[in-house]
Amino acid sequence: MTTENPISAIIDEICQIEPEFREDIRGVDRALIERLEQLHGRPLPAVYRDFLRHMGESWGIELPRTDFTACRIVSYYEKIAWRPPEPFTMIGMDNFGNSQDYFLDGRGSREAVVSFPLGTDPTAPDADPNDFEFESASLPDYIFSMFFMVRHLSNCPAVVQASKVTHLDGSFERAVDVVRRYGLPEHPRSSGGYAYFYTPELSAAISQPPGYGLGVRISGRDGTGVERLYALLDHHVGLVHRNR
């Protein structure tokens, strides 16, 4: 899925699901982007500049743990001499001092979103870039994932969250196959360890990123439909209902 402006494209995709999303995003002006780039010490990735132009003040997704605003990173750089090692670009900062910050990894053509594991320190002199944990294949993919799982699925009247942490072999594939056979359309942003399914009445996300257990989120307008799909997944995969 390529475009000259991938951030505009992902905003358009999200607004097909939730048109009011556009009202909740705000970008920053060129002067602030240039100030951030100056403090960063090298050119910002093009996709991140686009993110700042469209979403650098507010990206419409509430993540209390992390701040993705341009002002937050500018303020940090103005006080602290540390900069991410090349080719990493910091895009989100932990609000609680746990060093669980988010970066773009410039080692790949799509610039994956990565984070430092909880409790480690990316500013440490012996920090190893290989300690970064993969979060998403690209910034647009990460934006969609956070929108769908954090905002969209949470805002429906009926929500079920479930997980599986043992006997995981083939669990992701089985869960995805169950939802497909149930008849929910799969969103084209599905990739890797993330599968998204959407209709206006019922939505689901199946996730199993590298090194993690299986996660299932189902939401909809009707609790009966949500529980029916959960029961089917539980029967075929075996899940622990986390919000019951």
C-alpha atoms as a PDB file:
ATOM      1  CA  MET A   1       0.000   0.000   0.000  1.00  0.00           C
ATOM      2  CA  THR A   2       2.101   2.923  -1.297  1.00  0.00           C
ATOM      3  CA  THR A   3       1.359   6.603  -1.698  1.00  0.00           C
ATOM      4  CA  GLU A   4       3.253   9.875  -1.979  1.00  0.00           C
ATOM      5  CA  ASN A   5       1.823  10.911   1.389  1.00  0.00           C
ATOM      6  CA  PRO A   6       1.311   7.833   3.545  1.00  0.00           C
ATOM      7  CA  ILE A   7       0.115   9.834   6.557  1.00  0.00           C
ATOM      8  CA  SER A   8      -2.685  11.497   4.579  1.00  0.00           C
ATOM      9  CA  ALA A   9      -3.581   8.069   3.234  1.00  0.00           C
ATOM     10  CA  ILE A  10      -3.816   6.456   6.661  1.00  0.00           C
ATOM     11  CA  ILE A  11      -5.937   9.344   7.936  1.00  0.00           C
ATOM     12  CA  ASP A  12      -8.300   8.798   5.000  1.00  0.00           C
ATOM     13  CA  GLU A  13      -8.435   5.061   5.773  1.00  0.00           C
ATOM     14  CA  ILE A  14      -9.245   5.717   9.418  1.00  0.00           C
ATOM     15  CA  CYS A  15     -11.945   8.232   8.518  1.00  0.00           C
ATOM     16  CA  GLN A  16     -13.697   5.553   6.467  1.00  0.00           C
ATOM     17  CA  ILE A  17     -14.251   3.790   9.798  1.00  0.00           C
ATOM     18  CA  GLU A  18     -14.682   6.869  11.998  1.00  0.00           C
ATOM     19  CA  PRO A  19     -15.250  10.125  10.051  1.00  0.00           C
ATOM     20  CA  GLU A  20     -15.020  12.286  13.166  1.00  0.00           C
ATOM     21  CA  PHE A  21     -11.401  11.193  13.703  1.00  0.00           C
ATOM     22  CA  ARG A  22     -10.234  14.053  11.492  1.00  0.00           C
ATOM     23  CA  GLU A  23     -11.695  16.552  13.972  1.00  0.00           C
ATOM     24  CA  ASP A  24      -9.402  15.240  16.727  1.00  0.00           C
ATOM     25  CA  ILE A  25      -6.048  15.533  14.947  1.00  0.00           C
ATOM     26  CA  ARG A  26      -3.919  18.661  14.724  1.00  0.00           C
ATOM     27  CA  GLY A  27      -0.549  19.254  13.142  1.00  0.00           C
ATOM     28  CA  VAL A  28       2.228  21.688  13.966  1.00  0.00           C
ATOM     29  CA  ASP A  29       3.680  24.507  11.886  1.00  0.00           C
ATOM     30  CA  ARG A  30       6.850  24.377   9.820  1.00  0.00           C
ATOM     31  CA  ALA A  31       8.825  26.408  12.344  1.00  0.00           C
ATOM     32  CA  LEU A  32       8.347  23.794  15.069  1.00  0.00           C
ATOM     33  CA  ILE A  33       9.244  20.963  12.690  1.00  0.00           C
ATOM     34  CA  GLU A  34      12.411  22.785  11.688  1.00  0.00           C
ATOM     35  CA  ARG A  35      13.257  23.424  15.342  1.00  0.00           C
ATOM     36  CA  LEU A  36      12.845  19.719  16.121  1.00  0.00           C
ATOM     37  CA  GLU A  37      14.996  18.785  13.142  1.00  0.00           C
ATOM     38  CA  GLN A  38      17.678  21.242  14.255  1.00  0.00           C
ATOM     39  CA  LEU A  39      17.711  19.764  17.754  1.00  0.00           C
ATOM     40  CA  HIS A  40      17.639  16.221  16.373  1.00  0.00           C
ATOM     41  CA  GLY A  41      20.887  17.022  14.546  1.00  0.00           C
ATOM     42  CA  ARG A  42      20.088  15.380  11.226  1.00  0.00           C
ATOM     43  CA  PRO A  43      17.182  15.351   8.719  1.00  0.00           C
ATOM     44  CA  LEU A  44      13.941  13.899  10.023  1.00  0.00           C
ATOM     45  CA  PRO A  45      12.469  10.996   8.017  1.00  0.00           C
ATOM     46  CA  ALA A  46       9.942  12.193   5.438  1.00  0.00           C
ATOM     47  CA  VAL A  47       7.145  10.067   6.900  1.00  0.00           C
ATOM     48  CA  TYR A  48       7.744  11.589  10.327  1.00  0.00           C
ATOM     49  CA  ARG A  49       7.691  15.129   8.911  1.00  0.00           C
ATOM     50  CA  ASP A  50       4.317  14.270   7.361  1.00  0.00           C
ATOM     51  CA  PHE A  51       3.125  12.929  10.722  1.00  0.00           C
ATOM     52  CA  LEU A  52       4.140  16.183  12.414  1.00  0.00           C
ATOM     53  CA  ARG A  53       2.371  18.286   9.780  1.00  0.00           C
ATOM     54  CA  HIS A  54      -0.874  16.377  10.240  1.00  0.00           C
ATOM     55  CA  MET A  55      -0.733  14.993  13.801  1.00  0.00           C
ATOM     56  CA  GLY A  56       2.206  16.583  15.615  1.00  0.00           C
ATOM     57  CA  GLU A  57       0.029  18.406  18.157  1.00  0.00           C
ATOM     58  CA  SER A  58      -2.664  15.742  18.543  1.00  0.00           C
ATOM     59  CA  TRP A  59      -2.987  12.363  16.845  1.00  0.00           C
ATOM     60  CA  GLY A  60      -6.468  11.622  18.172  1.00  0.00           C
ATOM     61  CA  ILE A  61      -5.485   8.526  20.164  1.00  0.00           C
ATOM     62  CA  GLU A  62      -5.249   8.523  23.961  1.00  0.00           C
ATOM     63  CA  LEU A  63      -2.148   6.727  25.217  1.00  0.00           C
ATOM     64  CA  PRO A  64      -1.628   7.998  28.780  1.00  0.00           C
ATOM     65  CA  ARG A  65       1.728   6.251  29.012  1.00  0.00           C
ATOM     66  CA  THR A  66       3.340   7.943  25.998  1.00  0.00           C
ATOM     67  CA  ASP A  67       3.451  11.461  24.521  1.00  0.00           C
ATOM     68  CA  PHE A  68       3.789  11.686  20.715  1.00  0.00           C
ATOM     69  CA  THR A  69       3.618  15.491  20.459  1.00  0.00           C
ATOM     70  CA  ALA A  70       6.387  17.473  18.804  1.00  0.00           C
ATOM     71  CA  CYS A  71       6.488  19.899  21.730  1.00  0.00           C
ATOM     72  CA  ARG A  72       7.329  17.110  24.166  1.00  0.00           C
ATOM     73  CA  ILE A  73      10.370  15.986  22.176  1.00  0.00           C
ATOM     74  CA  VAL A  74      11.529  19.563  21.518  1.00  0.00           C
ATOM     75  CA  SER A  75      11.304  20.310  25.242  1.00  0.00           C
ATOM     76  CA  TYR A  76      13.335  17.186  26.044  1.00  0.00           C
ATOM     77  CA  TYR A  77      16.048  17.963  23.480  1.00  0.00           C
ATOM     78  CA  GLU A  78      16.353  21.545  24.737  1.00  0.00           C
ATOM     79  CA  LYS A  79      17.202  20.229  28.219  1.00  0.00           C
ATOM     80  CA  ILE A  80      19.034  16.957  27.555  1.00  0.00           C
ATOM     81  CA  ALA A  81      22.124  16.485  25.376  1.00  0.00           C
ATOM     82  CA  TRP A  82      21.385  12.828  24.488  1.00  0.00           C
ATOM     83  CA  ARG A  83      20.207  12.020  20.960  1.00  0.00           C
ATOM     84  CA  PRO A  84      19.123   8.653  19.530  1.00  0.00           C
ATOM     85  CA  PRO A  85      21.944   6.838  17.732  1.00  0.00           C
ATOM     86  CA  GLU A  86      21.780   6.977  13.964  1.00  0.00           C
ATOM     87  CA  PRO A  87      19.596   5.807  12.205  1.00  0.00           C
ATOM     88  CA  PHE A  88      16.930   6.018  14.963  1.00  0.00           C
ATOM     89  CA  THR A  89      14.487   8.901  15.345  1.00  0.00           C
ATOM     90  CA  MET A  90      12.553   9.385  18.581  1.00  0.00           C
ATOM     91  CA  ILE A  91       8.814   9.897  17.955  1.00  0.00           C
ATOM     92  CA  GLY A  92       7.202   9.211  21.354  1.00  0.00           C
ATOM     93  CA  MET A  93       8.313   9.647  24.962  1.00  0.00           C
ATOM     94  CA  ASP A  94       7.391   7.714  28.080  1.00  0.00           C
ATOM     95  CA  ASN A  95       5.443   9.904  30.516  1.00  0.00           C
ATOM     96  CA  PHE A  96       6.467   7.940  33.597  1.00  0.00           C
ATOM     97  CA  GLY A  97      10.242   7.827  33.376  1.00  0.00           C
ATOM     98  CA  ASN A  98      10.473   4.140  32.468  1.00  0.00           C
ATOM     99  CA  SER A  99      12.439   4.787  29.266  1.00  0.00           C
ATOM    100  CA  GLN A 100       9.777   3.033  27.186  1.00  0.00           C
ATOM    101  CA  ASP A 101      10.163   5.484  24.335  1.00  0.00           C
ATOM    102  CA  TYR A 102       9.279   4.978  20.661  1.00  0.00           C
ATOM    103  CA  PHE A 103      11.511   5.383  17.634  1.00  0.00           C
ATOM    104  CA  LEU A 104      11.584   5.019  13.877  1.00  0.00           C
ATOM    105  CA  ASP A 105      14.235   2.504  12.851  1.00  0.00           C
ATOM    106  CA  GLY A 106      15.931   3.765   9.686  1.00  0.00           C
ATOM    107  CA  ARG A 107      17.715   0.471   9.015  1.00  0.00           C
ATOM    108  CA  GLY A 108      14.840  -0.736   6.821  1.00  0.00           C
ATOM    109  CA  SER A 109      13.182   0.836   3.808  1.00  0.00           C
ATOM    110  CA  ARG A 110       9.812   1.181   5.610  1.00  0.00           C
ATOM    111  CA  GLU A 111      11.255   2.589   8.856  1.00  0.00           C
ATOM    112  CA  ALA A 112       9.650   0.307  11.430  1.00  0.00           C
ATOM    113  CA  VAL A 113       8.343   1.619  14.742  1.00  0.00           C
ATOM    114  CA  VAL A 114      10.337   0.188  17.653  1.00  0.00           C
ATOM    115  CA  SER A 115      10.517   0.714  21.411  1.00  0.00           C
ATOM    116  CA  PHE A 116      12.925   0.065  24.218  1.00  0.00           C
ATOM    117  CA  PRO A 117      11.855  -2.672  26.638  1.00  0.00           C
ATOM    118  CA  LEU A 118      10.363  -1.509  29.918  1.00  0.00           C
ATOM    119  CA  GLY A 119      13.016  -0.824  32.523  1.00  0.00           C
ATOM    120  CA  THR A 120      15.967  -0.352  30.137  1.00  0.00           C
ATOM    121  CA  ASP A 121      17.536   2.964  29.228  1.00  0.00           C
ATOM    122  CA  PRO A 122      18.116   3.994  25.596  1.00  0.00           C
ATOM    123  CA  THR A 123      20.392   6.817  26.812  1.00  0.00           C
ATOM    124  CA  ALA A 124      22.844   4.446  28.519  1.00  0.00           C
ATOM    125  CA  PRO A 125      26.361   4.487  26.986  1.00  0.00           C
ATOM    126  CA  ASP A 126      26.229   0.730  26.381  1.00  0.00           C
ATOM    127  CA  ALA A 127      22.726   0.736  24.867  1.00  0.00           C
ATOM    128  CA  ASP A 128      22.508  -1.795  22.052  1.00  0.00           C
ATOM    129  CA  PRO A 129      20.248  -1.023  19.044  1.00  0.00           C
ATOM    130  CA  ASN A 130      19.422  -4.722  18.948  1.00  0.00           C
ATOM    131  CA  ASP A 131      17.619  -4.229  22.265  1.00  0.00           C
ATOM    132  CA  PHE A 132      14.889  -2.338  20.457  1.00  0.00           C
ATOM    133  CA  GLU A 133      11.603  -4.234  20.341  1.00  0.00           C
ATOM    134  CA  PHE A 134       9.604  -4.311  17.115  1.00  0.00           C
ATOM    135  CA  GLU A 135       6.217  -2.594  17.379  1.00  0.00           C
ATOM    136  CA  SER A 136       4.971  -2.110  13.813  1.00  0.00           C
ATOM    137  CA  ALA A 137       6.271  -2.355  10.246  1.00  0.00           C
ATOM    138  CA  SER A 138       5.853   1.374   9.549  1.00  0.00           C
ATOM    139  CA  LEU A 139       4.541   4.558  11.126  1.00  0.00           C
ATOM    140  CA  PRO A 140       1.251   4.459   9.148  1.00  0.00           C
ATOM    141  CA  ASP A 141       0.745   0.836  10.230  1.00  0.00           C
ATOM    142  CA  TYR A 142       1.405   1.808  13.843  1.00  0.00           C
ATOM    143  CA  ILE A 143      -1.071   4.694  13.666  1.00  0.00           C
ATOM    144  CA  PHE A 144      -3.756   2.396  12.287  1.00  0.00           C
ATOM    145  CA  SER A 145      -3.033  -0.296  14.867  1.00  0.00           C
ATOM    146  CA  MET A 146      -3.300   2.159  17.763  1.00  0.00           C
ATOM    147  CA  PHE A 147      -6.435   3.744  16.314  1.00  0.00           C
ATOM    148  CA  PHE A 148      -8.156   0.412  15.774  1.00  0.00           C
ATOM    149  CA  MET A 149      -7.208  -1.324  19.004  1.00  0.00           C
ATOM    150  CA  VAL A 150      -7.048   1.598  21.434  1.00  0.00           C
ATOM    151  CA  ARG A 151      -9.684   4.011  20.115  1.00  0.00           C
ATOM    152  CA  HIS A 152     -12.114   2.211  17.822  1.00  0.00           C
ATOM    153  CA  LEU A 153     -12.536  -1.063  19.675  1.00  0.00           C
ATOM    154  CA  SER A 154     -12.701   0.660  23.056  1.00  0.00           C
ATOM    155  CA  ASN A 155     -15.424   3.125  22.036  1.00  0.00           C
ATOM    156  CA  CYS A 156     -18.077   0.535  21.184  1.00  0.00           C
ATOM    157  CA  PRO A 157     -20.817  -0.295  23.712  1.00  0.00           C
ATOM    158  CA  ALA A 158     -19.807  -3.961  24.015  1.00  0.00           C
ATOM    159  CA  VAL A 159     -16.154  -4.971  24.298  1.00  0.00           C
ATOM    160  CA  VAL A 160     -14.429  -8.281  25.025  1.00  0.00           C
ATOM    161  CA  GLN A 161     -10.678  -8.659  25.561  1.00  0.00           C
ATOM    162  CA  ALA A 162      -9.093 -12.083  25.752  1.00  0.00           C
ATOM    163  CA  SER A 163      -5.661 -13.659  25.553  1.00  0.00           C
ATOM    164  CA  LYS A 164      -3.714 -16.884  25.324  1.00  0.00           C
ATOM    165  CA  VAL A 165      -0.158 -17.239  26.634  1.00  0.00           C
ATOM    166  CA  THR A 166       0.516 -20.999  26.478  1.00  0.00           C
ATOM    167  CA  HIS A 167       0.391 -23.611  23.690  1.00  0.00           C
ATOM    168  CA  LEU A 168       0.614 -20.864  21.114  1.00  0.00           C
ATOM    169  CA  ASP A 169       1.680 -22.845  18.050  1.00  0.00           C
ATOM    170  CA  GLY A 170      -0.763 -22.033  15.260  1.00  0.00           C
ATOM    171  CA  SER A 171      -3.081 -20.068  17.573  1.00  0.00           C
ATOM    172  CA  PHE A 172      -2.884 -16.836  15.585  1.00  0.00           C
ATOM    173  CA  GLU A 173      -3.619 -18.597  12.300  1.00  0.00           C
ATOM    174  CA  ARG A 174      -6.536 -20.546  13.814  1.00  0.00           C
ATOM    175  CA  ALA A 175      -8.041 -17.412  15.360  1.00  0.00           C
ATOM    176  CA  VAL A 176      -7.770 -15.458  12.103  1.00  0.00           C
ATOM    177  CA  ASP A 177      -9.329 -18.349  10.185  1.00  0.00           C
ATOM    178  CA  VAL A 178     -12.266 -18.485  12.630  1.00  0.00           C
ATOM    179  CA  VAL A 179     -13.023 -14.780  12.174  1.00  0.00           C
ATOM    180  CA  ARG A 180     -12.705 -15.034   8.400  1.00  0.00           C
ATOM    181  CA  ARG A 181     -15.102 -17.980   8.282  1.00  0.00           C
ATOM    182  CA  TYR A 182     -17.465 -16.088  10.568  1.00  0.00           C
ATOM    183  CA  GLY A 183     -17.784 -13.615   7.698  1.00  0.00           C
ATOM    184  CA  LEU A 184     -16.151 -10.430   9.006  1.00  0.00           C
ATOM    185  CA  PRO A 185     -14.305  -8.534   6.249  1.00  0.00           C
ATOM    186  CA  GLU A 186     -10.558  -8.292   6.864  1.00  0.00           C
ATOM    187  CA  HIS A 187      -9.047  -4.830   6.652  1.00  0.00           C
ATOM    188  CA  PRO A 188      -6.161  -4.463   4.144  1.00  0.00           C
ATOM    189  CA  ARG A 189      -3.897  -3.092   6.912  1.00  0.00           C
ATOM    190  CA  SER A 190      -3.681  -6.601   8.354  1.00  0.00           C
ATOM    191  CA  SER A 191      -0.088  -7.783   8.220  1.00  0.00           C
ATOM    192  CA  GLY A 192       2.482  -9.769  10.157  1.00  0.00           C
ATOM    193  CA  GLY A 193       1.134 -10.562  13.602  1.00  0.00           C
ATOM    194  CA  TYR A 194      -1.882  -8.251  13.348  1.00  0.00           C
ATOM    195  CA  ALA A 195      -5.254  -8.935  11.731  1.00  0.00           C
ATOM    196  CA  TYR A 196      -8.106  -6.413  11.755  1.00  0.00           C
ATOM    197  CA  PHE A 197     -11.754  -7.085  10.898  1.00  0.00           C
ATOM    198  CA  TYR A 198     -14.376  -4.388  10.548  1.00  0.00           C
ATOM    199  CA  THR A 199     -18.069  -3.854   9.966  1.00  0.00           C
ATOM    200  CA  PRO A 200     -20.117  -0.981  11.441  1.00  0.00           C
ATOM    201  CA  GLU A 201     -21.843  -3.521  13.724  1.00  0.00           C
ATOM    202  CA  LEU A 202     -18.943  -5.772  14.775  1.00  0.00           C
ATOM    203  CA  SER A 203     -15.146  -5.455  14.756  1.00  0.00           C
ATOM    204  CA  ALA A 204     -12.253  -7.614  15.916  1.00  0.00           C
ATOM    205  CA  ALA A 205      -8.478  -7.498  16.199  1.00  0.00           C
ATOM    206  CA  ILE A 206      -6.245 -10.557  16.501  1.00  0.00           C
ATOM    207  CA  SER A 207      -2.631  -9.890  17.450  1.00  0.00           C
ATOM    208  CA  GLN A 208       0.498 -11.857  18.204  1.00  0.00           C
ATOM    209  CA  PRO A 209       3.608  -9.723  17.704  1.00  0.00           C
ATOM    210  CA  PRO A 210       6.987 -11.471  17.964  1.00  0.00           C
ATOM    211  CA  GLY A 211       7.725 -12.632  21.488  1.00  0.00           C
ATOM    212  CA  TYR A 212       4.211 -12.096  22.816  1.00  0.00           C
ATOM    213  CA  GLY A 213       1.107 -14.172  23.459  1.00  0.00           C
ATOM    214  CA  LEU A 214      -2.105 -14.094  21.474  1.00  0.00           C
ATOM    215  CA  GLY A 215      -4.395 -11.110  22.007  1.00  0.00           C
ATOM    216  CA  VAL A 216      -8.058 -10.877  20.965  1.00  0.00           C
ATOM    217  CA  ARG A 217     -10.303  -7.818  21.092  1.00  0.00           C
ATOM    218  CA  ILE A 218     -13.896  -7.864  19.889  1.00  0.00           C
ATOM    219  CA  SER A 219     -16.337  -4.970  20.013  1.00  0.00           C
ATOM    220  CA  GLY A 220     -19.703  -4.032  18.608  1.00  0.00           C
ATOM    221  CA  ARG A 221     -23.023  -2.341  19.088  1.00  0.00           C
ATOM    222  CA  ASP A 222     -24.676  -5.559  20.220  1.00  0.00           C
ATOM    223  CA  GLY A 223     -23.261  -7.567  23.116  1.00  0.00           C
ATOM    224  CA  THR A 224     -24.880 -10.733  21.818  1.00  0.00           C
ATOM    225  CA  GLY A 225     -22.859 -10.635  18.592  1.00  0.00           C
ATOM    226  CA  VAL A 226     -19.649  -9.894  20.486  1.00  0.00           C
ATOM    227  CA  GLU A 227     -20.151 -12.801  22.885  1.00  0.00           C
ATOM    228  CA  ARG A 228     -21.103 -15.149  20.044  1.00  0.00           C
ATOM    229  CA  LEU A 229     -17.840 -14.482  18.201  1.00  0.00           C
ATOM    230  CA  TYR A 230     -15.856 -14.753  21.446  1.00  0.00           C
ATOM    231  CA  ALA A 231     -17.450 -18.122  22.233  1.00  0.00           C
ATOM    232  CA  LEU A 232     -16.534 -19.391  18.772  1.00  0.00           C
ATOM    233  CA  LEU A 233     -12.928 -18.246  19.133  1.00  0.00           C
ATOM    234  CA  ASP A 234     -12.707 -19.692  22.615  1.00  0.00           C
ATOM    235  CA  HIS A 235     -13.973 -23.042  21.363  1.00  0.00           C
ATOM    236  CA  HIS A 236     -11.375 -23.277  18.591  1.00  0.00           C
ATOM    237  CA  VAL A 237      -8.404 -21.564  20.227  1.00  0.00           C
ATOM    238  CA  GLY A 238      -8.908 -21.579  24.023  1.00  0.00           C
ATOM    239  CA  LEU A 239      -8.833 -18.084  25.517  1.00  0.00           C
ATOM    240  CA  VAL A 240      -8.802 -16.323  28.867  1.00  0.00           C
ATOM    241  CA  HIS A 241     -11.518 -13.659  29.062  1.00  0.00           C
ATOM    242  CA  ARG A 242      -9.708 -10.621  30.515  1.00  0.00           C
ATOM    243  CA  ASN A 243     -12.573  -8.190  31.191  1.00  0.00           C
ATOM    244  CA  ARG A 244     -15.184 -10.484  32.661  1.00  0.00           C
END
